[in-house]
Protein backbone atom coordinates (compact mmCIF):
# COMPACT_ATOMS: atom_id res chain seq x y z
CA UNK A 1 26.23 -23.94 19.71
CA UNK A 2 25.38 -24.18 23.41
CA UNK A 3 22.86 -21.36 23.07
CA UNK A 4 21.12 -23.23 20.25
CA UNK A 5 20.99 -26.44 22.33
CA UNK A 6 19.56 -24.49 25.27
CA UNK A 7 16.83 -22.98 23.16
CA UNK A 8 16.00 -26.43 21.73
CA UNK A 9 15.74 -27.91 25.24
CA UNK A 10 13.48 -25.06 26.36
CA UNK A 11 11.17 -25.66 23.40
CA UNK A 12 11.10 -29.41 24.18
CA UNK A 13 10.17 -28.64 27.79
CA UNK A 14 7.32 -26.41 26.67
CA UNK A 15 6.03 -29.12 24.32
CA UNK A 16 6.18 -31.66 27.19
CA UNK A 17 4.15 -29.30 29.41
CA UNK A 18 1.52 -28.98 26.68
CA UNK A 19 1.23 -32.78 26.38
CA UNK A 20 0.91 -33.15 30.16
CA UNK A 21 -1.83 -30.51 30.20
CA UNK A 22 -3.71 -32.50 27.56
CA UNK A 23 -3.48 -35.65 29.72
CA UNK A 24 -4.79 -33.73 32.74
CA UNK A 25 -7.73 -32.40 30.74
CA UNK A 26 -8.53 -35.97 29.60
CA UNK A 27 -8.52 -37.23 33.21
CA UNK A 28 -10.81 -34.40 34.31
CA UNK A 29 -13.19 -35.25 31.45
CA UNK A 30 -13.36 -38.91 32.60
CA UNK A 31 -14.06 -37.75 36.14
CA UNK A 32 -16.90 -35.52 34.93
CA UNK A 33 -18.56 -38.43 33.14
CA UNK A 34 -18.34 -40.58 36.30
CA UNK A 35 -19.72 -37.68 38.30
CA UNK A 36 -22.75 -37.37 35.99
CA UNK A 37 -23.56 -41.06 36.61
CA UNK A 38 -23.33 -40.54 40.39
CA UNK A 39 -25.55 -37.49 40.05
CA UNK A 40 -28.30 -39.67 38.54
CA UNK A 41 -28.09 -42.06 41.48
CA UNK A 42 -28.43 -39.16 43.91
CA UNK A 43 -31.58 -37.98 42.11
CA UNK A 44 -33.16 -41.42 42.44
CA UNK A 45 -32.29 -41.52 46.15
CA UNK A 46 -33.98 -38.16 46.58
CA UNK A 47 -37.16 -39.51 44.99
CA UNK A 48 -37.11 -42.49 47.39
CA UNK A 49 -36.78 -40.19 50.38
CA UNK A 50 -39.76 -38.14 49.22
CA UNK A 51 -41.80 -41.35 48.93
CA UNK A 52 -40.71 -42.27 52.47
CA UNK A 53 -41.89 -38.89 53.66
CA UNK A 54 -45.34 -39.48 52.16
CA UNK A 55 -45.56 -42.91 53.84
CA UNK A 56 -44.65 -41.38 57.18
CA UNK A 57 -47.34 -38.75 56.77
CA UNK A 58 -49.92 -41.48 56.08
CA UNK A 59 -48.70 -43.46 59.09
CA UNK A 60 -48.91 -40.42 61.31
CA UNK A 61 -52.45 -39.69 60.13
CA UNK A 62 -53.48 -43.28 60.75
CA UNK A 63 -51.94 -43.24 64.24
CA UNK A 64 -53.92 -40.17 65.15
CA UNK A 65 -57.30 -41.61 64.07
CA UNK A 66 -60.07 -42.46 66.55
CA UNK A 67 -60.08 -46.14 65.53
CA UNK A 68 -56.51 -46.55 66.76
CA UNK A 69 -57.34 -44.86 70.08
CA UNK A 70 -60.38 -47.05 70.59
CA UNK A 71 -58.76 -50.43 69.83
CA UNK A 72 -55.10 -49.97 70.85
CA UNK A 73 -53.42 -49.02 74.10
CA UNK A 74 -52.55 -45.37 74.44
CA UNK A 75 -48.88 -45.95 75.27
CA UNK A 76 -48.36 -47.92 72.01
CA UNK A 77 -50.04 -45.21 69.98
CA UNK A 78 -47.89 -42.56 71.66
CA UNK A 79 -44.73 -44.61 70.95
CA UNK A 80 -45.72 -44.92 67.27
CA UNK A 81 -46.31 -41.18 67.04
CA UNK A 82 -42.95 -40.42 68.61
CA UNK A 83 -41.18 -42.80 66.20
CA UNK A 84 -42.90 -41.23 63.20
CA UNK A 85 -42.12 -37.68 64.41
CA UNK A 86 -38.42 -38.41 64.96
CA UNK A 87 -38.21 -40.19 61.60
CA UNK A 88 -39.94 -37.25 59.94
CA UNK A 89 -37.50 -34.76 61.50
CA UNK A 90 -34.48 -36.76 60.38
CA UNK A 91 -36.06 -37.22 56.98
CA UNK A 92 -36.29 -33.42 56.54
CA UNK A 93 -32.57 -32.97 57.25
CA UNK A 94 -31.72 -35.83 54.87
CA UNK A 95 -33.82 -34.31 52.10
CA UNK A 96 -32.14 -30.90 52.55
CA UNK A 97 -28.75 -32.61 52.31
CA UNK A 98 -29.77 -34.44 49.15
CA UNK A 99 -31.12 -31.20 47.64
CA UNK A 100 -27.72 -29.63 48.14
CA UNK A 101 -26.42 -32.33 45.83
CA UNK A 102 -29.20 -31.78 43.26
CA UNK A 103 -27.75 -28.91 41.24
CA UNK A 104 -28.72 -28.76 37.57
CA UNK A 105 -25.65 -26.83 36.41
CA UNK A 106 -22.92 -29.46 36.70
CA UNK A 107 -20.61 -27.27 34.58
CA UNK A 108 -20.19 -24.67 37.32
CA UNK A 109 -16.86 -25.58 38.87
CA UNK A 110 -17.65 -24.15 42.32
CA UNK A 111 -20.88 -26.21 42.54
CA UNK A 112 -19.09 -29.34 41.38
CA UNK A 113 -16.47 -29.10 44.11
CA UNK A 114 -19.14 -28.30 46.69
CA UNK A 115 -21.09 -31.40 45.65
CA UNK A 116 -17.97 -33.55 45.72
CA UNK A 117 -17.15 -32.29 49.20
CA UNK A 118 -20.65 -33.13 50.53
CA UNK A 119 -20.74 -36.55 48.82
CA UNK A 120 -17.25 -37.41 50.05
CA UNK A 121 -18.26 -36.89 53.68
CA UNK A 122 -18.79 -40.52 54.59
CA UNK A 123 -19.77 -39.87 58.20
CA UNK A 124 -22.96 -38.07 57.22
CA UNK A 125 -24.14 -40.83 54.91
CA UNK A 126 -23.22 -43.54 57.48
CA UNK A 127 -25.25 -41.72 60.12
CA UNK A 128 -28.16 -41.38 57.64
CA UNK A 129 -28.03 -45.11 56.95
CA UNK A 130 -27.88 -46.08 60.62
CA UNK A 131 -30.63 -43.64 61.58
CA UNK A 132 -32.87 -44.85 58.73
CA UNK A 133 -32.44 -48.47 59.87
CA UNK A 134 -33.19 -47.55 63.46
CA UNK A 135 -36.34 -45.67 62.47
CA UNK A 136 -37.44 -48.60 60.32
CA UNK A 137 -36.97 -51.06 63.21
CA UNK A 138 -38.83 -48.82 65.64
CA UNK A 139 -41.75 -48.33 63.28
CA UNK A 140 -41.87 -52.09 62.61
CA UNK A 141 -41.85 -52.78 66.34
CA UNK A 142 -44.67 -50.34 66.94
CA UNK A 143 -46.68 -51.80 64.09
CA UNK A 144 -46.18 -55.32 65.41
CA UNK A 145 -47.50 -54.17 68.77
CA UNK A 146 -50.42 -52.41 67.10
CA UNK A 147 -52.06 -55.33 65.35
CA UNK A 148 -55.60 -54.12 65.42
CA UNK A 149 -56.72 -55.44 62.09
CA UNK A 150 -56.63 -52.05 60.39
CA UNK A 151 -56.49 -52.34 56.66
CA UNK A 152 -53.46 -50.11 56.28
CA UNK A 153 -50.63 -50.92 53.93
CA UNK A 154 -48.12 -49.64 56.41
CA UNK A 155 -46.14 -52.87 56.61
CA UNK A 156 -45.63 -53.01 52.88
CA UNK A 157 -44.69 -49.35 52.65
CA UNK A 158 -42.28 -49.65 55.58
CA UNK A 159 -40.64 -52.68 54.07
CA UNK A 160 -40.30 -50.80 50.80
CA UNK A 161 -38.90 -47.91 52.81
CA UNK A 162 -36.32 -50.20 54.31
CA UNK A 163 -35.29 -51.53 50.92
CA UNK A 164 -35.10 -48.00 49.54
CA UNK A 165 -32.91 -46.95 52.48
CA UNK A 166 -30.63 -49.90 51.83
CA UNK A 167 -30.44 -48.92 48.15
CA UNK A 168 -29.67 -45.35 49.20
CA UNK A 169 -26.89 -46.63 51.42
CA UNK A 170 -25.40 -48.69 48.59
CA UNK A 171 -25.63 -45.76 46.17
CA UNK A 172 -23.97 -43.48 48.71
CA UNK A 173 -21.14 -45.93 49.29
CA UNK A 174 -20.67 -46.37 45.53
CA UNK A 175 -20.62 -42.61 44.99
CA UNK A 176 -18.11 -42.17 47.82
CA UNK A 177 -15.84 -44.88 46.40
CA UNK A 178 -16.02 -43.42 42.87
CA UNK A 179 -15.24 -39.94 44.15
CA UNK A 180 -12.36 -41.29 46.21
CA UNK A 181 -10.99 -43.19 43.19
CA UNK A 182 -11.33 -40.14 40.98
CA UNK A 183 -9.59 -38.00 43.59
CA UNK A 184 -6.76 -40.50 43.78
CA UNK A 185 -6.45 -40.66 39.98
CA UNK A 186 -6.45 -36.88 39.72
CA UNK A 187 -3.90 -36.60 42.50
CA UNK A 188 -1.61 -39.12 40.79
CA UNK A 189 -1.99 -37.36 37.43
CA UNK A 190 -1.30 -33.94 38.85
CA UNK A 191 1.59 -35.33 40.88
CA UNK A 192 3.14 -36.77 37.71
CA UNK A 193 2.53 -33.48 35.88
CA UNK A 194 4.13 -31.61 38.77
CA UNK A 195 7.18 -33.85 38.61
CA UNK A 196 7.48 -33.35 34.84
CA UNK A 197 6.99 -29.59 35.18
CA UNK A 198 9.70 -29.37 37.81
CA UNK A 199 12.01 -31.41 35.58
CA UNK A 200 11.31 -29.08 32.65
CA UNK A 201 11.90 -26.04 34.87
CA UNK A 202 15.22 -27.46 36.04
CA UNK A 203 16.17 -28.12 32.40
CA UNK A 204 15.29 -24.53 31.52
CA UNK A 205 17.38 -23.28 34.43
CA UNK A 206 20.31 -25.35 33.22
CA UNK A 207 19.95 -23.96 29.72
CA UNK A 208 19.74 -20.43 31.12
CA UNK A 209 22.99 -21.02 32.98
CA UNK A 210 24.63 -22.16 29.73
CA UNK A 211 23.24 -19.10 27.96
CA UNK A 212 24.52 -16.84 30.72
CA UNK A 213 27.96 -18.38 30.43
CA UNK A 214 27.88 -17.94 26.65
CA UNK A 215 26.76 -14.31 27.10
CA UNK A 216 29.66 -13.68 29.46
CA UNK A 217 32.05 -15.10 26.88
CA UNK A 218 30.50 -12.95 24.16
CA UNK A 219 30.74 -9.89 26.39
CA UNK A 220 34.43 -10.53 26.83
CA UNK A 221 34.85 -10.86 23.06
CA UNK A 222 32.88 -7.65 22.52
CA UNK A 223 35.05 -5.86 25.05
CA UNK A 224 38.15 -6.99 23.19
CA UNK A 225 36.61 -5.87 19.88
CA UNK A 226 35.79 -2.48 21.39
CA UNK A 227 39.38 -2.09 22.47
CA UNK A 228 40.57 -2.87 18.93
CA UNK A 229 37.94 -0.50 17.50
CA UNK A 230 39.10 2.30 19.79
CA UNK A 231 42.66 1.82 18.60
CA UNK A 232 41.56 1.91 14.94
CA UNK A 233 39.38 4.97 15.62
CA UNK A 234 42.30 6.83 17.12
CA UNK A 235 44.40 6.02 14.07
CA UNK A 236 41.65 7.16 11.72
CA UNK A 237 41.21 10.36 13.74
CA UNK A 238 44.90 11.14 13.35
CA UNK A 239 44.67 10.52 9.60
CA UNK A 240 41.57 12.73 9.38
CA UNK A 241 43.38 15.54 11.15
CA UNK A 242 46.23 15.25 8.67
CA UNK A 243 43.74 15.44 5.79
CA UNK A 244 42.13 18.51 7.36
CA UNK A 245 45.52 20.17 7.55
CA UNK A 246 46.13 19.40 3.87
CA UNK A 247 42.70 20.81 2.97
CA UNK A 248 43.50 23.99 4.86
CA UNK A 249 46.75 24.32 2.90
CA UNK A 250 44.87 23.82 -0.37
CA UNK A 251 42.36 26.48 0.65
CA UNK A 252 45.12 28.95 1.29
CA UNK A 253 46.72 28.25 -2.09
CA UNK A 254 43.32 28.50 -3.80
CA UNK A 255 42.67 31.85 -2.14
CA UNK A 256 46.01 33.10 -3.37
CA UNK A 257 45.29 31.93 -6.91
CA UNK A 258 41.83 33.52 -6.78
CA UNK A 259 43.29 36.83 -5.68
CA UNK A 260 45.77 36.67 -8.55
CA UNK A 261 43.01 35.91 -11.09
CA UNK A 262 40.56 38.52 -9.80
CA UNK A 263 41.94 41.13 -12.21
CA UNK A 264 40.83 39.09 -15.26
CA UNK A 265 37.40 38.25 -13.86
CA UNK A 266 35.47 40.07 -16.62
CA UNK A 267 37.37 38.32 -19.41
CA UNK A 268 36.89 34.97 -17.68
CA UNK A 269 33.14 35.55 -17.47
CA UNK A 270 32.98 36.42 -21.16
CA UNK A 271 34.86 33.26 -22.10
CA UNK A 272 32.66 31.19 -19.77
CA UNK A 273 29.52 32.49 -21.46
CA UNK A 274 30.92 31.59 -24.86
CA UNK A 275 31.83 28.13 -23.64
CA UNK A 276 28.32 27.64 -22.28
CA UNK A 277 26.79 28.62 -25.62
CA UNK A 278 29.06 26.10 -27.35
CA UNK A 279 27.97 23.49 -24.82
CA UNK A 280 24.31 24.14 -25.65
CA UNK A 281 25.12 23.83 -29.35
CA UNK A 282 26.88 20.53 -28.71
CA UNK A 283 23.73 19.29 -26.95
CA UNK A 284 21.77 20.22 -30.07
CA UNK A 285 23.99 18.32 -32.52
CA UNK A 286 22.00 17.83 -35.68
CA UNK A 287 22.06 15.21 -38.36
CA UNK A 288 23.55 16.43 -41.66
CA UNK A 289 20.12 16.09 -43.29
CA UNK A 290 18.83 18.90 -41.05
CA UNK A 291 21.67 21.38 -41.45
CA UNK A 292 19.65 24.58 -41.99
CA UNK A 293 21.83 26.47 -44.47
CA UNK A 294 22.84 23.29 -46.28
CA UNK A 295 19.18 22.32 -46.74
CA UNK A 296 18.38 25.78 -48.15
CA UNK A 297 21.16 25.49 -50.72
CA UNK A 298 20.05 21.97 -51.68
CA UNK A 299 16.43 23.01 -52.20
CA UNK A 300 17.47 26.07 -54.23
CA UNK A 301 19.81 23.98 -56.38
CA UNK A 302 17.26 21.20 -56.98
CA UNK A 303 14.49 23.66 -57.82
CA UNK A 304 16.74 25.65 -60.15
CA UNK A 305 17.86 22.45 -61.85
CA UNK A 306 14.31 21.27 -62.45
CA UNK A 307 12.97 24.65 -63.57
CA UNK A 308 16.07 26.03 -65.36
CA UNK A 309 16.58 28.71 -62.73
CA UNK A 310 13.02 29.99 -62.95
CA UNK A 311 10.75 30.42 -59.94
CA UNK A 312 7.55 28.70 -60.95
CA UNK A 313 6.17 28.08 -57.46
CA UNK A 314 3.58 29.35 -55.06
CA UNK A 315 4.50 33.01 -55.45
CA UNK A 316 0.83 33.95 -55.80
CA UNK A 317 0.32 32.94 -52.16
CA UNK A 318 1.50 36.41 -51.14
CA UNK A 319 -1.84 37.69 -52.42
CA UNK A 320 -3.80 35.22 -50.25
CA UNK A 321 -6.14 37.00 -47.76
CA UNK A 322 -5.46 34.38 -45.11
CA UNK A 323 -1.70 34.84 -45.42
CA UNK A 324 -2.11 38.61 -45.18
CA UNK A 325 -4.32 38.24 -42.11
CA UNK A 326 -1.67 36.00 -40.57
CA UNK A 327 1.09 38.53 -41.27
CA UNK A 328 -0.92 41.47 -39.90
CA UNK A 329 -1.97 39.76 -36.66
CA UNK A 330 -0.85 41.62 -33.53
CA UNK A 331 -0.28 38.42 -31.56
CA UNK A 332 1.17 34.98 -32.18
CA UNK A 333 -0.52 33.14 -35.04
CA UNK A 334 -0.21 30.06 -37.24
CA UNK A 335 -0.99 29.41 -40.90
CA UNK A 336 -0.72 26.07 -42.68
CA UNK A 337 -0.13 25.60 -46.41
CA UNK A 338 -1.34 22.17 -47.52
CA UNK A 339 -0.76 20.77 -50.99
CA UNK A 340 -0.30 17.49 -52.77
CA UNK A 341 2.92 15.56 -52.67
CA UNK A 342 3.52 16.30 -56.36
CA UNK A 343 3.95 20.02 -55.53
CA UNK A 344 6.36 19.50 -52.64
CA UNK A 345 9.24 21.19 -54.48
CA UNK A 346 7.15 24.32 -55.09
CA UNK A 347 6.10 24.39 -51.43
CA UNK A 348 9.71 24.05 -50.31
CA UNK A 349 10.77 26.78 -52.73
CA UNK A 350 8.13 29.07 -51.25
CA UNK A 351 9.51 28.38 -47.79
CA UNK A 352 13.05 29.14 -48.96
CA UNK A 353 11.84 32.41 -50.47
CA UNK A 354 10.20 33.36 -47.18
CA UNK A 355 13.33 32.56 -45.16
CA UNK A 356 15.75 34.44 -47.43
CA UNK A 357 13.44 37.43 -47.80
CA UNK A 358 12.91 37.77 -44.04
CA UNK A 359 16.63 37.38 -43.39
CA UNK A 360 17.45 40.00 -46.03
CA UNK A 361 15.14 42.48 -44.28
CA UNK A 362 16.79 41.65 -40.86
CA UNK A 363 13.62 40.07 -39.48
CA UNK A 364 14.43 37.18 -37.08
CA UNK A 365 13.52 33.87 -38.63
CA UNK A 366 14.29 30.24 -37.80
CA UNK A 367 13.39 27.32 -39.99
CA UNK A 368 13.42 23.57 -40.53
CA UNK A 369 13.60 22.26 -44.11
CA UNK A 370 13.72 18.69 -45.34
CA UNK A 371 15.80 18.17 -48.46
CA UNK A 372 16.68 14.49 -48.11
CA UNK A 373 15.93 11.78 -45.63
CA UNK A 374 18.20 8.87 -44.88
CA UNK A 375 16.68 5.44 -44.51
CA UNK A 376 18.68 4.62 -41.37
CA UNK A 377 17.07 7.45 -39.36
CA UNK A 378 13.78 6.72 -37.60
CA UNK A 379 10.83 9.11 -37.65
CA UNK A 380 11.16 9.87 -33.91
CA UNK A 381 14.88 10.64 -34.26
CA UNK A 382 14.28 12.92 -37.25
CA UNK A 383 11.55 14.81 -35.36
CA UNK A 384 13.91 15.20 -32.40
CA UNK A 385 16.62 16.60 -34.71
CA UNK A 386 14.10 19.08 -36.14
CA UNK A 387 13.08 20.41 -32.71
CA UNK A 388 16.72 20.61 -31.59
CA UNK A 389 17.51 22.63 -34.70
CA UNK A 390 14.76 25.13 -33.84
CA UNK A 391 15.97 25.34 -30.21
CA UNK A 392 19.56 25.94 -31.38
CA UNK A 393 18.56 28.77 -33.72
CA UNK A 394 16.29 30.38 -31.09
CA UNK A 395 19.09 30.32 -28.50
CA UNK A 396 21.49 32.05 -30.90
CA UNK A 397 18.96 34.84 -31.61
CA UNK A 398 17.67 35.36 -28.06
CA UNK A 399 20.32 37.23 -26.06
CA UNK A 400 18.37 36.86 -22.82
CA UNK A 401 19.62 33.27 -22.54
CA UNK A 402 23.32 34.18 -22.93
CA UNK A 403 23.99 34.10 -19.19
CA UNK A 404 25.52 31.51 -16.95
CA UNK A 405 22.37 30.66 -14.96
CA UNK A 406 19.94 30.54 -17.89
CA UNK A 407 22.21 28.53 -20.17
CA UNK A 408 22.86 26.08 -17.36
CA UNK A 409 19.12 25.47 -16.97
CA UNK A 410 18.60 24.95 -20.70
CA UNK A 411 21.60 22.62 -20.84
CA UNK A 412 20.19 20.52 -18.00
CA UNK A 413 16.74 20.42 -19.63
CA UNK A 414 18.18 19.26 -22.96
CA UNK A 415 20.26 16.61 -21.22
CA UNK A 416 17.21 14.97 -19.64
CA UNK A 417 14.66 15.58 -22.42
CA UNK A 418 13.42 12.42 -24.14
CA UNK A 419 9.93 12.97 -25.56
CA UNK A 420 8.96 15.33 -28.39
CA UNK A 421 6.55 17.18 -26.12
CA UNK A 422 9.42 17.97 -23.73
CA UNK A 423 11.50 19.42 -26.59
CA UNK A 424 8.48 21.50 -27.64
CA UNK A 425 8.22 22.91 -24.09
CA UNK A 426 11.92 23.86 -24.21
CA UNK A 427 11.36 25.60 -27.56
CA UNK A 428 8.47 27.58 -26.07
CA UNK A 429 10.75 28.61 -23.20
CA UNK A 430 13.64 29.87 -25.34
CA UNK A 431 11.27 31.82 -27.64
CA UNK A 432 10.08 34.03 -24.80
CA UNK A 433 11.67 37.46 -24.71
CA UNK A 434 11.84 37.95 -28.48
CA UNK A 435 9.53 40.76 -29.71
CA UNK A 436 8.95 39.09 -33.09
CA UNK A 437 10.18 35.89 -34.70
CA UNK A 438 9.07 33.78 -37.67
CA UNK A 439 9.14 29.96 -37.74
CA UNK A 440 9.14 28.40 -41.22
CA UNK A 441 8.54 24.68 -40.61
CA UNK A 442 8.47 21.84 -43.10
CA UNK A 443 6.07 19.25 -41.60
CA UNK A 444 7.82 16.30 -43.25
CA UNK A 445 10.61 15.95 -40.62
CA UNK A 446 8.05 16.15 -37.82
CA UNK A 447 6.03 13.18 -39.04
CA UNK A 448 5.80 10.34 -36.47
CA UNK A 449 3.20 7.55 -36.36
CA UNK A 450 1.86 8.58 -32.93
CA UNK A 451 1.80 12.37 -33.57
CA UNK A 452 1.00 12.51 -37.28
CA UNK A 453 -2.17 14.64 -36.89
CA UNK A 454 -1.37 16.47 -33.65
CA UNK A 455 1.46 18.83 -34.62
CA UNK A 456 -0.75 21.77 -35.68
CA UNK A 457 -2.78 21.46 -32.48
CA UNK A 458 0.37 21.26 -30.35
CA UNK A 459 1.83 24.34 -32.04
CA UNK A 460 -1.45 26.23 -31.52
CA UNK A 461 -1.40 25.33 -27.82
CA UNK A 462 2.15 26.65 -27.59
CA UNK A 463 1.14 29.96 -29.21
CA UNK A 464 -1.88 30.28 -26.93
CA UNK A 465 0.34 29.80 -23.89
CA UNK A 466 2.76 32.45 -25.14
CA UNK A 467 -0.09 34.92 -25.74
CA UNK A 468 -1.55 34.27 -22.28
CA UNK A 469 1.53 34.28 -20.05
CA UNK A 470 3.70 36.90 -21.75
CA UNK A 471 1.47 39.95 -21.24
CA UNK A 472 4.22 42.09 -19.61
CA UNK A 473 6.87 41.40 -22.27
CA UNK A 474 4.85 40.17 -25.28
CA UNK A 475 6.43 37.79 -27.74
CA UNK A 476 4.90 37.48 -31.21
CA UNK A 477 5.60 34.14 -32.87
CA UNK A 478 4.47 33.64 -36.48
CA UNK A 479 4.51 30.00 -37.60
CA UNK A 480 4.26 28.99 -41.26
CA UNK A 481 3.64 25.22 -41.50
CA UNK A 482 4.12 23.64 -44.93
CA UNK A 483 2.43 20.26 -45.22
CA UNK A 484 2.58 18.12 -48.36
CA UNK A 485 2.56 14.64 -46.80
CA UNK A 486 -0.74 12.76 -47.12
CA UNK A 487 -0.38 11.20 -43.65
CA UNK A 488 0.05 14.56 -41.94
CA UNK A 489 -2.82 16.44 -43.59
CA UNK A 490 -4.45 18.60 -40.93
CA UNK A 491 -8.24 18.25 -40.81
CA UNK A 492 -9.36 20.58 -38.02
CA UNK A 493 -12.77 20.32 -36.43
CA UNK A 494 -13.14 23.86 -35.04
CA UNK A 495 -14.23 26.54 -37.54
CA UNK A 496 -11.55 28.97 -36.33
CA UNK A 497 -8.84 26.47 -37.17
CA UNK A 498 -10.19 25.97 -40.68
CA UNK A 499 -9.47 29.66 -41.39
CA UNK A 500 -5.77 28.95 -40.78
CA UNK A 501 -5.41 26.51 -43.70
CA UNK A 502 -4.47 27.54 -47.24
CA UNK A 503 -5.12 24.75 -49.74
CA UNK A 504 -2.93 24.86 -52.85
CA UNK A 505 -3.93 22.44 -55.60
CA UNK A 506 -1.66 23.68 -58.40
CA UNK A 507 1.41 25.80 -58.93
CA UNK A 508 1.45 29.32 -60.30
CA UNK A 509 2.30 29.96 -63.94
CA UNK A 510 4.34 33.11 -63.43
CA UNK A 511 7.88 33.13 -64.74
CA UNK A 512 10.03 34.83 -62.12
CA UNK A 513 13.67 34.31 -61.31
CA UNK A 514 14.64 32.74 -58.00
CA UNK A 515 14.30 35.13 -55.01
CA UNK A 516 18.02 35.65 -54.47
CA UNK A 517 18.18 37.19 -57.94
CA UNK A 518 14.79 38.81 -58.51
CA UNK A 519 11.81 38.91 -56.11
CA UNK A 520 8.29 39.36 -57.23
CA UNK A 521 6.90 42.79 -56.46
CA UNK A 522 4.07 41.62 -54.22
CA UNK A 523 6.46 39.38 -52.33
CA UNK A 524 8.84 42.29 -51.70
CA UNK A 525 6.00 44.44 -50.48
CA UNK A 526 4.82 41.67 -48.19
CA UNK A 527 8.27 41.16 -46.64
CA UNK A 528 9.04 44.88 -46.34
CA UNK A 529 5.67 45.40 -44.70
CA UNK A 530 6.77 42.99 -41.98
CA UNK A 531 10.06 44.80 -41.50
CA UNK A 532 8.20 48.09 -40.81
CA UNK A 533 6.22 46.60 -37.90
CA UNK A 534 7.03 48.49 -34.67
CA UNK A 535 7.22 45.28 -32.61
CA UNK A 536 10.01 43.91 -34.75
CA UNK A 537 12.78 46.05 -33.30
CA UNK A 538 15.83 44.07 -32.19
């Protein structure tokens, strides 16, 4: 509280000093205005002295003329000359003194004080006044003696000179009195300011003493707090040492348990790998509508129910040149089958036939089929489930990811993945290392409003990346994309992409049993041709 009062008093003292400085500046301004007025009077006096000098020159010239010598006594003429010479000498010194006062730059502080000092010297101006009067009387006396009838206007000029000298004397006295008054006023003002400043300084000193006393009290309190802190620190240090001893005991017991369990290290590692795989599968929990095997059975049952167990589908697609070119490609490739929504069952049946035929020939295949869709599942969630299903199947088939370090990375990536593009990057990662794998994808689960036309392009970019970066251990990924949704129809712009689309406008008319009972001959040849590829060894 005392410290706050001291700071307040110091601020008040500073404010008082500022106000006093303003008053001093105001007084100096008033003095400058008075000084300018006195400066004008000095200029006028200088002009009068110059006029007096001209009159003296005329008088001297007249006194030296032949007419004066012829009509006046020589001693009177000599006296007049002497008076004029002495007056002229004094007049020169007076004019030099006045010129010292005639400075145009009144704002220069050193010139102002010099001018004030010269003007305040009363003895000089008194002597000038007395000497001017004496010279005037002497010249008048000489002129009275020399009354020779010369038509010279010396009397008038001398009288004017006398009046001008008197005016100069009055102006000088006025200037001296004004300067004296201004000096007194300034002295009083500065004396008052000095008194106030000293009072403020004493107040500040008093406040500093209070602050010093408060600081001493605070130092004592801090010293006491440090003593208490040292006691608490010593107690905490003792507790920390006890905890360190307990940790050392736990380390010893852990080392003993580790030595006892070292014999079963291989079995523990095997169990840990299995647990990590189960953890990855738990991260990829799927909705029941995307259970792979369940969806295959549902599609087979629905198709058999509608067609009385007969396979009236897109079996003639196995004769398509574009599908054959896709199957014979030596690098990753994509083919898209696009049809109307009315033929969706036939397209799904063709996908089921492809999956079961490839699996029967031991060719790695993963798939996503859409049998039903619940209304309470959003499009983004369903697309996420579809990509998680593909990641789960790829992890099961790729043994390179069945290690502790690799599974940990995939688990962390799946935990933080949010967007569909991130899941697609994870799928591209887990596919690497497989010599050959087929992806049978139903485009219906992947439909989202923001990515409805971009899935084929995104899958092509993924395949291009795999072909470019996996030159040492090539991975061939064959993607079959079945698209029967009008909002997801792929309309490529590049000519090369147009060669990847197979348009199917109507179903085949062949009457063949479902693939798990009887496969069409060309379909069997197509699938078995894939199983004989040298890159498909697992």
